[in-house]
Amino acid sequence: MTPLTNRRKPCYVRHLACHLPRDTFRTSLGMSISQKNHNSPPNPPVAFTKSLKERARELGFALCGVCPAVTPGGLHHLAQWLDAGYAGEMTFLEEYAHAHEHPRYVLDGARSLLLLAMNYHAPQHHAPYYREEAGHVLEPGHGRVASYARGTDYHDVIHGRLRELKDWFHAQHPAAAVRGVVDSAPIMEREFAQLAGLGWIGKNTLLLNRQQGSWFLLSVLLTDVVLDYDAATEVDHCGTCTACLDACPTDAFPSPYVVDARKCISYLTIEHRTQIPKELRAGMGDWLFGCDVCQEVCPWNNHAPEATENSFRQHIAGDHIDLCELLTLDETEFRRRFRRTPLWRPKRRGLLRNAAIVLGNQRHRPALPALGQALSDEESIIRGAAAWALGQIGGEQALLALRGRNTVETDPDVCDEIAAAIAQCDQSSRLTAD
């Protein structure tokens, strides 16, 4: 069998999981694993696996666990999730759904998986926050960035460590087949992480660990070597808590352990390529890229450690971004600033669309000149979002900009946005006059 070549999954997919009942992991553990013609490590599996984990920790991985390469016991839940349409525009998930059936589609002859977690959480305490009952909220004119996306692109960081771990493995066992992946292959990471004893899948669909919380990134080292397997995590420590479900600004959880990507702020700001549905724009609040709400309210994150990896502590993108400045960036400047960060994923058109919506949510009147300029952007998706934001802010200056653009706009969708924004401004003016 020829394994699938690398196809980087989007940043958002790290948030995706489907509910897998606890007994599915017992089923997975109980699956028979043929030992015929297996590749044995140079030392007994227990000793070699212990050394492998020690090397992984030296490379900065906070959690390590090993499980057999088997068919995930809850694979049918992925099929149900896709059938429900919860994947939105992420058609590649259905395209490669068959490849999730077994790790051998990623590494031919795979017998063992080393699941790894690297902590990324590094709060920026000096950001221009003010307090609200719901938590930290930015001053108007700035947009929030999800914690994992503030530093160097995590793919680059973790891939480098996986290469080092792979080299160490081959030095001990030259004949072994080994492959490291992080968001680059059809692997159900959370399910295998639970099978490897790293934690349990929470009601917000993220993997949770009692010591580390959920502020970590998962990766996998696959091999055809039989290793010493860890005991699966079979206890769900979420209990009766529904903090993550209750706090979601867009009501993206149709039920516990299930996320509807079409309503999730992380999906909307990163993977959604067209205009964001009007009914979901207000729920985006200050989020420019991604969302941390369901993690911020999780009690298991109250005492989670901060990242020690410098690449995550150095905030290249920052946890807040000046949105008016962002709207002025051309393609060249945008590339220079964001090319090596996760914020490159939605490209300029997506990130500037998000910026306009956040400014509209904030009713930030000093942003009127920047939004007026964005009405003439070459990207229709940016023009449409700018029109909506001007309608939310309202006033004579916004109305003049909208009417001026309305005389030359040719894109039907943008024309609709402008018409609705003008009507919003007119309504606001009448209410103010009354």
Protein backbone atom coordinates (compact mmCIF):
# COMPACT_ATOMS: atom_id res chain seq x y z
CA MET A 1 0.00 0.00 0.00
CA THR A 2 1.34 3.41 -0.95
CA PRO A 3 0.91 5.89 1.92
CA LEU A 4 -0.63 9.26 1.25
CA THR A 5 1.80 12.08 0.66
CA ASN A 6 1.92 15.07 2.95
CA ARG A 7 -1.10 17.32 2.68
CA ARG A 8 -1.06 19.93 5.39
CA LYS A 9 -4.36 20.15 7.16
CA PRO A 10 -5.50 23.67 8.05
CA CYS A 11 -4.84 25.23 11.43
CA TYR A 12 -8.50 24.89 12.26
CA VAL A 13 -8.56 21.10 12.02
CA ARG A 14 -6.61 20.84 15.27
CA HIS A 15 -9.90 21.87 16.95
CA LEU A 16 -12.00 19.22 15.24
CA ALA A 17 -13.11 16.00 16.86
CA CYS A 18 -16.21 13.87 17.02
CA HIS A 19 -17.69 12.28 20.12
CA LEU A 20 -16.26 8.81 20.68
CA PRO A 21 -17.88 6.82 23.52
CA ARG A 22 -15.50 5.48 26.12
CA ASP A 23 -16.07 1.86 25.18
CA THR A 24 -14.75 2.48 21.68
CA PHE A 25 -11.26 2.84 23.13
CA ARG A 26 -11.56 -0.42 25.02
CA THR A 27 -12.57 -1.96 21.70
CA SER A 28 -9.54 -0.45 19.98
CA LEU A 29 -7.22 -1.75 22.68
CA GLY A 30 -8.72 -5.18 22.36
CA MET A 31 -8.11 -5.43 18.61
CA SER A 32 -5.66 -8.12 17.65
CA ILE A 33 -2.33 -6.98 16.31
CA SER A 34 -0.55 -9.61 14.28
CA GLN A 35 3.05 -10.11 15.27
CA LYS A 36 3.88 -11.91 12.04
CA ASN A 37 6.99 -10.46 10.38
CA HIS A 38 6.98 -7.52 12.79
CA ASN A 39 9.97 -5.25 13.04
CA SER A 40 11.50 -5.59 16.51
CA PRO A 41 13.52 -2.85 18.25
CA PRO A 42 17.21 -3.53 19.01
CA ASN A 43 16.39 -3.61 22.75
CA PRO A 44 13.29 -5.07 24.44
CA PRO A 45 10.22 -2.91 23.62
CA VAL A 46 9.91 -1.63 27.20
CA ALA A 47 13.48 -0.30 27.39
CA PHE A 48 13.50 1.11 23.86
CA THR A 49 10.12 2.81 24.33
CA LYS A 50 11.29 4.37 27.59
CA SER A 51 14.38 5.78 25.88
CA LEU A 52 12.26 7.05 22.99
CA LYS A 53 9.96 8.93 25.37
CA GLU A 54 12.93 10.40 27.24
CA ARG A 55 14.35 11.73 23.98
CA ALA A 56 10.95 13.18 23.05
CA ARG A 57 10.78 15.06 26.36
CA GLU A 58 14.30 16.39 25.80
CA LEU A 59 13.03 17.82 22.51
CA GLY A 60 10.28 19.76 24.28
CA PHE A 61 7.26 17.46 24.15
CA ALA A 62 5.33 17.71 27.41
CA LEU A 63 3.31 14.53 26.92
CA CYS A 64 4.24 11.21 25.29
CA GLY A 65 2.21 8.03 24.91
CA VAL A 66 2.30 4.95 22.73
CA CYS A 67 -0.57 2.97 21.22
CA PRO A 68 -0.94 0.28 18.57
CA ALA A 69 -1.69 1.16 14.95
CA VAL A 70 -5.32 0.06 14.72
CA THR A 71 -8.58 1.21 13.21
CA PRO A 72 -9.99 3.92 15.49
CA GLY A 73 -12.92 2.46 17.39
CA GLY A 74 -15.07 5.54 16.83
CA LEU A 75 -14.45 5.92 13.09
CA HIS A 76 -18.19 5.74 12.38
CA HIS A 77 -18.70 8.94 14.37
CA LEU A 78 -16.52 10.79 11.84
CA ALA A 79 -18.77 9.50 9.06
CA GLN A 80 -21.87 10.66 10.96
CA TRP A 81 -20.28 14.07 11.52
CA LEU A 82 -19.50 14.46 7.82
CA ASP A 83 -22.99 13.28 6.84
CA ALA A 84 -24.48 15.96 9.09
CA GLY A 85 -22.68 18.62 7.05
CA TYR A 86 -20.72 19.90 10.04
CA ALA A 87 -17.47 20.11 8.03
CA GLY A 88 -18.67 23.14 6.09
CA GLU A 89 -16.41 23.93 3.14
CA MET A 90 -13.65 21.55 4.29
CA THR A 91 -14.41 19.05 1.54
CA PHE A 92 -10.96 17.48 1.83
CA LEU A 93 -12.11 15.79 5.07
CA GLU A 94 -14.66 13.75 3.16
CA GLU A 95 -12.29 13.26 0.24
CA TYR A 96 -9.75 11.57 2.53
CA ALA A 97 -12.25 10.00 4.94
CA HIS A 98 -11.30 6.48 3.88
CA ALA A 99 -7.67 7.13 4.83
CA HIS A 100 -8.66 7.55 8.48
CA GLU A 101 -9.53 3.85 8.62
CA HIS A 102 -6.00 2.80 9.56
CA PRO A 103 -2.56 4.41 10.08
CA ARG A 104 -1.15 2.17 7.33
CA TYR A 105 -2.53 4.73 4.87
CA VAL A 106 0.02 7.14 6.30
CA LEU A 107 2.90 4.69 6.83
CA ASP A 108 2.84 1.34 5.08
CA GLY A 109 3.27 -1.41 7.64
CA ALA A 110 2.63 0.90 10.62
CA ARG A 111 2.39 -1.00 13.92
CA SER A 112 2.93 1.63 16.60
CA LEU A 113 2.11 5.31 17.12
CA LEU A 114 3.94 7.64 19.46
CA LEU A 115 1.54 10.45 20.36
CA LEU A 116 3.19 13.72 21.36
CA ALA A 117 1.93 16.98 22.82
CA MET A 118 3.80 20.30 22.91
CA ASN A 119 2.57 23.16 25.11
CA TYR A 120 2.05 26.46 23.26
CA HIS A 121 0.25 28.74 25.71
CA ALA A 122 2.14 31.96 26.40
CA PRO A 123 -0.21 34.78 27.52
CA GLN A 124 0.86 38.30 26.65
CA HIS A 125 0.11 40.09 29.88
CA HIS A 126 0.84 43.62 28.64
CA ALA A 127 -1.73 43.59 25.83
CA PRO A 128 -4.24 46.50 25.83
CA TYR A 129 -7.02 44.62 27.58
CA TYR A 130 -9.82 45.90 29.72
CA ARG A 131 -11.87 43.65 31.95
CA GLU A 132 -15.40 42.46 31.34
CA GLU A 133 -17.46 39.87 33.13
CA ALA A 134 -16.96 37.46 30.22
CA GLY A 135 -13.16 37.76 30.40
CA HIS A 136 -10.45 39.70 28.60
CA VAL A 137 -11.72 41.97 25.83
CA LEU A 138 -9.60 44.17 23.61
CA GLU A 139 -9.78 47.91 23.36
CA PRO A 140 -11.65 48.97 20.19
CA GLY A 141 -9.52 49.04 17.08
CA HIS A 142 -7.67 45.79 17.87
CA GLY A 143 -8.44 42.17 17.00
CA ARG A 144 -7.70 39.06 19.04
CA VAL A 145 -5.56 36.18 17.79
CA ALA A 146 -5.88 32.63 19.11
CA SER A 147 -3.07 31.69 21.46
CA TYR A 148 -1.56 28.97 19.25
CA ALA A 149 -1.17 31.38 16.32
CA ARG A 150 0.77 34.23 17.94
CA GLY A 151 4.27 32.89 17.43
CA THR A 152 6.15 30.98 14.76
CA ASP A 153 4.05 28.59 12.69
CA TYR A 154 3.75 25.51 14.89
CA HIS A 155 4.07 23.23 11.87
CA ASP A 156 7.62 24.44 11.34
CA VAL A 157 8.53 24.15 15.03
CA ILE A 158 7.13 20.66 15.58
CA HIS A 159 8.26 19.26 12.23
CA GLY A 160 11.82 20.19 13.18
CA ARG A 161 11.57 18.30 16.48
CA LEU A 162 9.97 15.31 14.79
CA ARG A 163 12.88 15.16 12.35
CA GLU A 164 15.31 15.11 15.27
CA LEU A 165 13.33 12.37 16.98
CA LYS A 166 13.19 10.38 13.74
CA ASP A 167 16.98 10.70 13.34
CA TRP A 168 17.48 9.45 16.92
CA PHE A 169 15.15 6.52 16.21
CA HIS A 170 17.07 5.54 13.08
CA ALA A 171 20.37 5.80 14.93
CA GLN A 172 19.09 3.16 17.35
CA HIS A 173 17.22 1.14 14.76
CA PRO A 174 18.44 1.78 11.17
CA ALA A 175 16.04 -0.71 9.58
CA ALA A 176 12.90 0.92 10.99
CA ALA A 177 10.32 2.75 8.91
CA VAL A 178 9.45 5.99 10.71
CA ARG A 179 7.33 9.01 9.78
CA GLY A 180 6.42 12.10 11.77
CA VAL A 181 3.26 14.10 11.04
CA VAL A 182 1.64 17.23 12.42
CA ASP A 183 -1.52 18.31 10.59
CA SER A 184 -0.16 16.69 7.44
CA ALA A 185 -1.89 13.33 7.24
CA PRO A 186 -5.31 11.70 7.79
CA ILE A 187 -4.76 10.66 11.39
CA MET A 188 -7.43 10.96 14.09
CA GLU A 189 -4.92 12.42 16.54
CA ARG A 190 -7.24 12.96 19.49
CA GLU A 191 -8.64 9.44 19.35
CA PHE A 192 -5.17 7.89 19.23
CA ALA A 193 -3.97 10.28 21.95
CA GLN A 194 -6.72 8.98 24.23
CA LEU A 195 -5.78 5.43 23.25
CA ALA A 196 -2.16 6.27 24.21
CA GLY A 197 -3.20 7.60 27.63
CA LEU A 198 -2.56 11.31 27.03
CA GLY A 199 -6.02 12.42 28.12
CA TRP A 200 -9.71 12.41 27.27
CA ILE A 201 -11.77 14.21 24.64
CA GLY A 202 -13.73 17.00 26.30
CA LYS A 203 -17.16 18.38 25.56
CA ASN A 204 -15.50 21.11 23.48
CA THR A 205 -14.00 18.30 21.31
CA LEU A 206 -10.42 19.10 22.40
CA LEU A 207 -8.12 16.66 24.15
CA LEU A 208 -7.82 17.43 27.87
CA ASN A 209 -5.10 16.40 30.30
CA ARG A 210 -5.40 16.82 34.07
CA GLN A 211 -1.98 18.49 34.38
CA GLN A 212 -1.62 20.24 31.00
CA GLY A 213 -5.22 21.30 30.35
CA SER A 214 -5.75 21.69 26.60
CA TRP A 215 -3.14 24.31 25.64
CA PHE A 216 -1.03 21.92 23.58
CA LEU A 217 -0.54 20.75 20.00
CA LEU A 218 -0.61 17.09 18.99
CA SER A 219 1.71 15.30 16.61
CA VAL A 220 2.41 11.66 15.79
CA LEU A 221 5.47 9.52 15.09
CA LEU A 222 4.48 6.36 13.21
CA THR A 223 6.72 3.30 12.93
CA ASP A 224 6.65 -0.32 11.83
CA VAL A 225 8.37 -1.25 15.09
CA VAL A 226 6.32 -2.87 17.87
CA LEU A 227 6.68 -0.68 20.98
CA ASP A 228 5.49 -0.91 24.58
CA TYR A 229 1.91 0.38 24.62
CA ASP A 230 0.41 2.61 27.29
CA ALA A 231 -2.97 2.13 28.92
CA ALA A 232 -5.80 4.13 27.34
CA THR A 233 -7.55 6.94 29.18
CA GLU A 234 -11.04 5.64 29.91
CA VAL A 235 -12.35 8.26 32.36
CA ASP A 236 -14.08 11.44 31.22
CA HIS A 237 -13.19 14.07 33.82
CA CYS A 238 -15.53 16.75 32.43
CA GLY A 239 -18.30 15.52 34.73
CA THR A 240 -21.38 17.74 34.71
CA CYS A 241 -19.46 20.86 33.67
CA THR A 242 -20.82 22.67 30.60
CA ALA A 243 -18.72 25.85 30.79
CA CYS A 244 -17.36 25.48 27.25
CA LEU A 245 -20.78 24.79 25.76
CA ASP A 246 -22.40 27.70 27.56
CA ALA A 247 -19.66 30.20 26.67
CA CYS A 248 -19.51 29.61 22.91
CA PRO A 249 -20.43 32.96 21.30
CA THR A 250 -21.94 31.37 18.18
CA ASP A 251 -23.56 28.29 19.75
CA ALA A 252 -21.34 25.99 17.70
CA PHE A 253 -21.94 22.86 19.81
CA PRO A 254 -25.19 21.14 18.78
CA SER A 255 -24.52 18.66 21.59
CA PRO A 256 -21.68 17.88 23.99
CA TYR A 257 -18.60 16.45 22.22
CA VAL A 258 -19.81 17.63 18.79
CA VAL A 259 -18.84 20.87 17.04
CA ASP A 260 -20.60 22.32 14.00
CA ALA A 261 -17.67 23.86 12.14
CA ARG A 262 -20.02 26.08 10.15
CA LYS A 263 -20.72 28.06 13.33
CA CYS A 264 -17.28 27.86 14.95
CA ILE A 265 -15.34 31.14 15.05
CA SER A 266 -12.07 29.32 14.40
CA TYR A 267 -13.48 27.83 11.22
CA LEU A 268 -15.17 31.04 10.13
CA THR A 269 -12.05 33.18 10.51
CA ILE A 270 -9.59 30.67 9.05
CA GLU A 271 -11.19 28.14 6.70
CA HIS A 272 -14.37 29.81 5.46
CA ARG A 273 -13.43 31.30 2.08
CA THR A 274 -16.53 33.34 1.27
CA GLN A 275 -18.39 36.05 3.16
CA ILE A 276 -19.22 35.16 6.76
CA PRO A 277 -22.97 34.65 7.27
CA LYS A 278 -24.58 37.79 8.66
CA GLU A 279 -26.20 35.97 11.57
CA LEU A 280 -22.78 34.85 12.83
CA ARG A 281 -20.82 38.11 12.47
CA ALA A 282 -21.82 39.64 15.80
CA GLY A 283 -20.77 36.44 17.59
CA MET A 284 -17.24 36.86 16.28
CA GLY A 285 -16.81 39.76 18.66
CA ASP A 286 -13.13 40.78 18.73
CA TRP A 287 -11.76 37.56 17.20
CA LEU A 288 -9.65 38.30 14.14
CA PHE A 289 -8.13 34.82 13.82
CA GLY A 290 -9.26 31.72 15.65
CA CYS A 291 -10.93 31.60 19.05
CA ASP A 292 -9.92 30.49 22.55
CA VAL A 293 -13.22 30.94 24.39
CA CYS A 294 -13.97 27.25 25.03
CA GLN A 295 -10.44 26.82 26.39
CA GLU A 296 -10.36 30.01 28.44
CA VAL A 297 -13.44 28.96 30.43
CA CYS A 298 -12.38 25.33 30.95
CA PRO A 299 -11.56 24.67 34.63
CA TRP A 300 -8.81 22.25 33.62
CA ASN A 301 -6.91 25.18 32.12
CA ASN A 302 -6.94 27.25 35.32
CA HIS A 303 -3.54 25.93 36.38
CA ALA A 304 -2.16 24.74 33.05
CA PRO A 305 1.55 25.55 32.63
CA GLU A 306 2.80 28.13 30.18
CA ALA A 307 4.91 27.18 27.19
CA THR A 308 8.65 26.86 27.59
CA GLU A 309 9.32 26.75 23.84
CA ASN A 310 10.73 30.14 22.79
CA SER A 311 9.14 29.91 19.34
CA PHE A 312 5.72 30.10 20.99
CA ARG A 313 6.69 32.71 23.57
CA GLN A 314 7.97 35.15 20.94
CA HIS A 315 4.76 36.73 19.72
CA ILE A 316 5.45 37.45 16.06
CA ALA A 317 1.82 38.15 15.23
CA GLY A 318 0.92 39.21 18.77
CA ASP A 319 -2.27 38.47 20.66
CA HIS A 320 -3.79 41.74 19.46
CA ILE A 321 -3.46 43.43 16.07
CA ASP A 322 -4.17 47.01 15.01
CA LEU A 323 -7.03 46.51 12.56
CA CYS A 324 -6.89 49.88 10.82
CA GLU A 325 -3.21 49.31 10.07
CA LEU A 326 -4.02 45.81 8.85
CA LEU A 327 -6.55 47.18 6.37
CA THR A 328 -3.82 49.29 4.75
CA LEU A 329 -1.51 46.34 3.95
CA ASP A 330 -1.07 45.45 0.29
CA GLU A 331 -0.25 41.91 -0.82
CA THR A 332 3.52 42.41 -0.61
CA GLU A 333 3.47 43.87 2.89
CA PHE A 334 0.98 41.28 4.08
CA ARG A 335 3.27 38.50 2.85
CA ARG A 336 6.30 40.06 4.54
CA ARG A 337 4.53 40.33 7.87
CA PHE A 338 2.62 37.05 8.08
CA ARG A 339 4.23 34.52 5.72
CA ARG A 340 5.89 32.49 8.50
CA THR A 341 2.94 32.59 10.89
CA PRO A 342 -0.40 30.73 11.03
CA LEU A 343 -2.14 33.98 10.03
CA TRP A 344 -0.99 33.34 6.48
CA ARG A 345 -3.58 30.55 6.18
CA PRO A 346 -6.65 32.68 5.30
CA LYS A 347 -4.46 34.92 3.09
CA ARG A 348 -4.89 38.66 2.88
CA ARG A 349 -8.47 38.53 1.63
CA GLY A 350 -9.66 36.41 4.55
CA LEU A 351 -7.82 38.23 7.32
CA LEU A 352 -8.84 41.69 6.10
CA ARG A 353 -12.43 40.49 5.78
CA ASN A 354 -12.23 39.45 9.44
CA ALA A 355 -10.68 42.80 10.41
CA ALA A 356 -13.59 44.71 8.89
CA ILE A 357 -16.15 42.57 10.69
CA VAL A 358 -14.42 43.03 14.06
CA LEU A 359 -14.36 46.82 13.54
CA GLY A 360 -18.07 46.69 12.74
CA ASN A 361 -18.74 44.71 15.91
CA GLN A 362 -16.79 47.28 17.92
CA ARG A 363 -18.65 50.22 16.31
CA HIS A 364 -15.19 51.82 16.15
CA ARG A 365 -15.77 55.25 14.64
CA PRO A 366 -12.04 56.13 14.20
CA ALA A 367 -11.92 53.21 11.74
CA LEU A 368 -14.23 54.94 9.25
CA PRO A 369 -11.40 56.22 6.97
CA ALA A 370 -9.74 52.78 6.81
CA LEU A 371 -13.06 51.07 6.12
CA GLY A 372 -13.90 53.66 3.47
CA GLN A 373 -10.60 52.86 1.77
CA ALA A 374 -11.33 49.13 2.01
CA LEU A 375 -14.53 49.72 0.03
CA SER A 376 -12.26 50.10 -3.01
CA ASP A 377 -10.13 47.01 -2.38
CA GLU A 378 -9.63 44.70 -5.35
CA GLU A 379 -11.05 41.78 -3.34
CA SER A 380 -14.84 41.73 -3.34
CA ILE A 381 -14.96 39.82 -0.04
CA ILE A 382 -13.10 42.70 1.66
CA ARG A 383 -15.34 45.32 0.06
CA GLY A 384 -18.45 43.48 1.24
CA ALA A 385 -17.19 43.17 4.82
CA ALA A 386 -16.18 46.83 4.86
CA ALA A 387 -19.66 47.83 3.69
CA TRP A 388 -21.27 45.81 6.48
CA ALA A 389 -18.94 47.37 9.07
CA LEU A 390 -19.75 50.89 7.87
CA GLY A 391 -23.43 50.09 8.23
CA GLN A 392 -22.87 48.93 11.81
CA ILE A 393 -20.98 52.11 12.72
CA GLY A 394 -23.36 54.41 10.89
CA GLY A 395 -23.31 58.19 10.67
CA GLU A 396 -22.96 60.67 7.83
CA GLN A 397 -19.35 59.78 7.00
CA ALA A 398 -20.20 56.11 6.64
CA LEU A 399 -23.27 56.89 4.56
CA LEU A 400 -21.30 59.09 2.17
CA ALA A 401 -18.69 56.37 1.64
CA LEU A 402 -21.34 53.74 1.00
CA ARG A 403 -23.32 55.86 -1.46
CA GLY A 404 -20.14 56.80 -3.29
CA ARG A 405 -19.13 53.18 -3.74
CA ASN A 406 -22.65 52.19 -4.70
CA THR A 407 -22.38 54.23 -7.91
CA VAL A 408 -19.44 52.19 -9.22
CA GLU A 409 -19.73 48.74 -7.59
CA THR A 410 -20.41 45.88 -10.02
CA ASP A 411 -20.22 42.76 -7.85
CA PRO A 412 -23.79 41.62 -7.03
CA ASP A 413 -22.95 40.35 -3.54
CA VAL A 414 -21.13 43.55 -2.62
CA CYS A 415 -24.01 45.59 -4.00
CA ASP A 416 -26.34 43.71 -1.67
CA GLU A 417 -24.02 44.39 1.29
CA ILE A 418 -23.91 48.09 0.41
CA ALA A 419 -27.69 48.33 0.05
CA ALA A 420 -28.22 46.65 3.43
CA ALA A 421 -25.59 48.89 5.04
CA ILE A 422 -27.21 52.05 3.64
CA ALA A 423 -30.57 50.89 4.98
CA GLN A 424 -28.94 50.26 8.36
CA CYS A 425 -27.45 53.77 8.39
CA ASP A 426 -30.79 55.32 7.43
CA GLN A 427 -32.57 53.40 10.17
CA SER A 428 -29.98 54.44 12.75
CA SER A 429 -30.35 58.08 11.67
CA ARG A 430 -34.14 57.94 12.08
CA LEU A 431 -33.81 56.40 15.53
CA THR A 432 -31.34 59.07 16.56
CA ALA A 433 -33.62 61.82 15.25
CA ASP A 434 -36.57 60.42 17.19
